Amino acid sequence: MLKMFLNFDSMVTPKIITVIYWLSIVGVVIGGVGSMFSGYQGFTFGSFLMGLGIIVGGFLMVRIYCELFIVIFKINENLSKIANRE
């Protein structure tokens, strides 16, 4: 196990990306809810829509960002399989 880790035979980052994804989702929800209740006038329909937009847009952006990283590691994994066949 240690040898695989020290020789970079297995990737650790895909596991970390999952943790980053969930922490980012929590951050997006907190930011969206905070946006709903912040401002000079408190809770208004405009601030509610802004917070909802932040939550929906944040979910989408976090998902795309993390998927791009996962795709890079999947490409690496598939290239390693091809290289080991020859």
Protein backbone atom coordinates (compact mmCIF):
# COMPACT_ATOMS: atom_id res chain seq x y z
CA MET A 1 0.00 0.00 0.00
CA LEU A 2 2.75 2.44 0.93
CA LYS A 3 4.72 1.48 -2.17
CA MET A 4 1.73 2.26 -4.40
CA PHE A 5 1.35 5.63 -2.68
CA LEU A 6 5.03 6.53 -2.94
CA ASN A 7 5.31 5.46 -6.60
CA PHE A 8 2.14 7.33 -7.65
CA ASP A 9 0.55 4.07 -8.86
CA SER A 10 -2.81 5.09 -7.43
CA MET A 11 -4.34 8.54 -7.43
CA VAL A 12 -5.48 10.13 -4.18
CA THR A 13 -6.99 13.25 -5.72
CA PRO A 14 -10.22 11.67 -7.05
CA LYS A 15 -11.14 10.75 -3.49
CA ILE A 16 -10.34 14.26 -2.32
CA ILE A 17 -12.45 15.76 -5.12
CA THR A 18 -15.52 14.01 -3.69
CA VAL A 19 -14.91 15.62 -0.30
CA ILE A 20 -14.33 19.01 -1.95
CA TYR A 21 -17.58 18.57 -3.90
CA TRP A 22 -19.68 18.00 -0.78
CA LEU A 23 -17.99 20.82 1.15
CA SER A 24 -18.61 23.15 -1.79
CA ILE A 25 -22.27 22.16 -1.93
CA VAL A 26 -22.61 23.00 1.77
CA GLY A 27 -20.88 26.34 1.10
CA VAL A 28 -23.22 27.11 -1.81
CA VAL A 29 -26.30 26.39 0.31
CA ILE A 30 -24.99 28.55 3.17
CA GLY A 31 -24.13 31.34 0.73
CA GLY A 32 -27.52 31.16 -0.96
CA VAL A 33 -29.47 31.17 2.29
CA GLY A 34 -27.25 33.96 3.61
CA SER A 35 -27.99 35.97 0.47
CA MET A 36 -31.71 35.45 0.97
CA PHE A 37 -31.66 36.96 4.44
CA SER A 38 -29.01 39.64 4.00
CA GLY A 39 -29.33 43.19 2.82
CA TYR A 40 -30.74 46.42 4.15
CA GLN A 41 -34.38 45.38 3.95
CA GLY A 42 -34.01 41.81 5.22
CA PHE A 43 -35.98 39.06 3.53
CA THR A 44 -37.58 40.30 0.29
CA PHE A 45 -38.75 38.56 -2.85
CA GLY A 46 -35.73 39.91 -4.75
CA SER A 47 -33.27 38.63 -2.19
CA PHE A 48 -35.10 35.28 -2.18
CA LEU A 49 -34.72 34.98 -5.95
CA MET A 50 -31.07 36.02 -5.73
CA GLY A 51 -30.38 33.37 -3.09
CA LEU A 52 -32.23 30.75 -5.12
CA GLY A 53 -30.17 31.70 -8.18
CA ILE A 54 -26.97 31.40 -6.18
CA ILE A 55 -27.97 27.94 -4.96
CA VAL A 56 -29.01 26.62 -8.38
CA GLY A 57 -26.10 28.24 -10.22
CA GLY A 58 -23.68 27.18 -7.51
CA PHE A 59 -24.80 23.56 -7.68
CA LEU A 60 -24.30 23.58 -11.42
CA MET A 61 -20.88 25.27 -11.34
CA VAL A 62 -19.53 23.06 -8.54
CA ARG A 63 -20.72 19.93 -10.34
CA ILE A 64 -19.16 20.98 -13.67
CA TYR A 65 -15.90 21.99 -12.00
CA CYS A 66 -15.54 18.69 -10.13
CA GLU A 67 -16.59 16.62 -13.16
CA LEU A 68 -13.85 18.24 -15.25
CA PHE A 69 -11.26 17.14 -12.72
CA ILE A 70 -12.70 13.62 -12.59
CA VAL A 71 -12.61 13.42 -16.42
CA ILE A 72 -8.90 14.26 -16.37
CA PHE A 73 -8.24 11.43 -13.92
CA LYS A 74 -10.40 8.99 -15.91
CA ILE A 75 -8.38 9.82 -19.02
CA ASN A 76 -5.20 9.12 -17.06
CA GLU A 77 -6.63 5.82 -15.81
CA ASN A 78 -7.61 4.70 -19.32
CA LEU A 79 -4.24 5.72 -20.76
CA SER A 80 -2.52 3.69 -18.05
CA LYS A 81 -4.60 0.65 -19.00
CA ILE A 82 -3.63 1.10 -22.67
CA ALA A 83 0.04 1.50 -21.79
CA ASN A 84 0.03 -1.65 -19.63
CA ARG A 85 -1.45 -3.74 -22.46
CA GLU A 86 1.51 -3.20 -24.76
